[in-house]
Amino acid sequence: MTVEQAIVTAIAFEARVRDVYVAAAAAATDAAARRVLEVLGREEQGHLDYLESRQAEWAKTGRVT
């Protein structure tokens, strides 16, 4: 697996996890559970943002710092 493939795979995985948390938060009837799921969804989005920035860096420079 290349670096690029690893980043693409990680992005796909993180997006699926984020989507699960977002959907669960939307369906939650308990306020505390909804808040926890929303936080988890935001954290996963942070992972996605990071991975996407590394993907852009790889595309631009051929390196990931």
C-alpha atoms as a PDB file:
ATOM      1  CA  MET A   1       0.000   0.000   0.000  1.00  0.00           C
ATOM      2  CA  THR A   2       1.353   3.399  -0.959  1.00  0.00           C
ATOM      3  CA  VAL A   3       1.180   6.494   1.215  1.00  0.00           C
ATOM      4  CA  GLU A   4      -1.508   7.893  -1.067  1.00  0.00           C
ATOM      5  CA  GLN A   5      -3.577   4.706  -0.810  1.00  0.00           C
ATOM      6  CA  ALA A   6      -3.232   4.743   2.983  1.00  0.00           C
ATOM      7  CA  ILE A   7      -4.470   8.320   3.182  1.00  0.00           C
ATOM      8  CA  VAL A   8      -7.423   7.624   0.858  1.00  0.00           C
ATOM      9  CA  THR A   9      -8.325   4.508   2.858  1.00  0.00           C
ATOM     10  CA  ALA A  10      -8.119   6.411   6.142  1.00  0.00           C
ATOM     11  CA  ILE A  11     -10.292   9.223   4.764  1.00  0.00           C
ATOM     12  CA  ALA A  12     -12.967   6.753   3.682  1.00  0.00           C
ATOM     13  CA  PHE A  13     -12.911   5.019   7.064  1.00  0.00           C
ATOM     14  CA  GLU A  14     -13.075   8.248   9.069  1.00  0.00           C
ATOM     15  CA  ALA A  15     -15.947   9.521   6.910  1.00  0.00           C
ATOM     16  CA  ARG A  16     -17.950   6.356   7.585  1.00  0.00           C
ATOM     17  CA  VAL A  17     -17.305   6.591  11.331  1.00  0.00           C
ATOM     18  CA  ARG A  18     -18.252  10.270  11.360  1.00  0.00           C
ATOM     19  CA  ASP A  19     -21.452   9.523   9.476  1.00  0.00           C
ATOM     20  CA  VAL A  20     -22.410   6.847  12.014  1.00  0.00           C
ATOM     21  CA  TYR A  21     -21.962   9.288  14.897  1.00  0.00           C
ATOM     22  CA  VAL A  22     -23.862  12.060  13.112  1.00  0.00           C
ATOM     23  CA  ALA A  23     -26.755   9.742  12.299  1.00  0.00           C
ATOM     24  CA  ALA A  24     -26.830   8.357  15.820  1.00  0.00           C
ATOM     25  CA  ALA A  25     -26.839  11.878  17.269  1.00  0.00           C
ATOM     26  CA  ALA A  26     -29.739  12.852  15.030  1.00  0.00           C
ATOM     27  CA  ALA A  27     -31.695   9.793  16.154  1.00  0.00           C
ATOM     28  CA  ALA A  28     -30.840  10.048  19.859  1.00  0.00           C
ATOM     29  CA  THR A  29     -33.720  10.821  22.151  1.00  0.00           C
ATOM     30  CA  ASP A  30     -31.544  11.292  25.240  1.00  0.00           C
ATOM     31  CA  ALA A  31     -29.970  14.756  25.383  1.00  0.00           C
ATOM     32  CA  ALA A  32     -26.755  13.584  27.050  1.00  0.00           C
ATOM     33  CA  ALA A  33     -26.280  10.790  24.520  1.00  0.00           C
ATOM     34  CA  ARG A  34     -26.924  13.219  21.676  1.00  0.00           C
ATOM     35  CA  ARG A  35     -24.283  15.627  22.998  1.00  0.00           C
ATOM     36  CA  VAL A  36     -21.697  12.843  23.340  1.00  0.00           C
ATOM     37  CA  LEU A  37     -22.412  11.601  19.820  1.00  0.00           C
ATOM     38  CA  GLU A  38     -22.191  15.142  18.444  1.00  0.00           C
ATOM     39  CA  VAL A  39     -18.784  15.596  20.079  1.00  0.00           C
ATOM     40  CA  LEU A  40     -17.604  12.283  18.663  1.00  0.00           C
ATOM     41  CA  GLY A  41     -18.832  13.316  15.215  1.00  0.00           C
ATOM     42  CA  ARG A  42     -16.932  16.600  15.444  1.00  0.00           C
ATOM     43  CA  GLU A  43     -13.784  14.773  16.538  1.00  0.00           C
ATOM     44  CA  GLU A  44     -14.045  12.459  13.548  1.00  0.00           C
ATOM     45  CA  GLN A  45     -14.498  15.510  11.311  1.00  0.00           C
ATOM     46  CA  GLY A  46     -11.266  16.858  12.789  1.00  0.00           C
ATOM     47  CA  HIS A  47      -9.541  13.626  11.801  1.00  0.00           C
ATOM     48  CA  LEU A  48     -10.937  14.002   8.291  1.00  0.00           C
ATOM     49  CA  ASP A  49      -9.782  17.604   8.046  1.00  0.00           C
ATOM     50  CA  TYR A  50      -6.270  16.558   9.093  1.00  0.00           C
ATOM     51  CA  LEU A  51      -6.134  13.651   6.658  1.00  0.00           C
ATOM     52  CA  GLU A  52      -7.409  15.807   3.806  1.00  0.00           C
ATOM     53  CA  SER A  53      -4.737  18.402   4.527  1.00  0.00           C
ATOM     54  CA  ARG A  54      -2.095  15.645   4.446  1.00  0.00           C
ATOM     55  CA  GLN A  55      -3.561  14.384   1.169  1.00  0.00           C
ATOM     56  CA  ALA A  56      -3.248  17.875  -0.301  1.00  0.00           C
ATOM     57  CA  GLU A  57       0.318  18.137   0.970  1.00  0.00           C
ATOM     58  CA  TRP A  58       1.159  14.767  -0.604  1.00  0.00           C
ATOM     59  CA  ALA A  59      -0.362  15.828  -3.920  1.00  0.00           C
ATOM     60  CA  LYS A  60       1.558  19.103  -3.882  1.00  0.00           C
ATOM     61  CA  THR A  61       4.960  17.998  -2.585  1.00  0.00           C
ATOM     62  CA  GLY A  62       5.085  14.214  -2.677  1.00  0.00           C
ATOM     63  CA  ARG A  63       5.778  14.293   1.059  1.00  0.00           C
ATOM     64  CA  VAL A  64       3.819  14.233   4.288  1.00  0.00           C
ATOM     65  CA  THR A  65       5.335  15.998   7.275  1.00  0.00           C
END
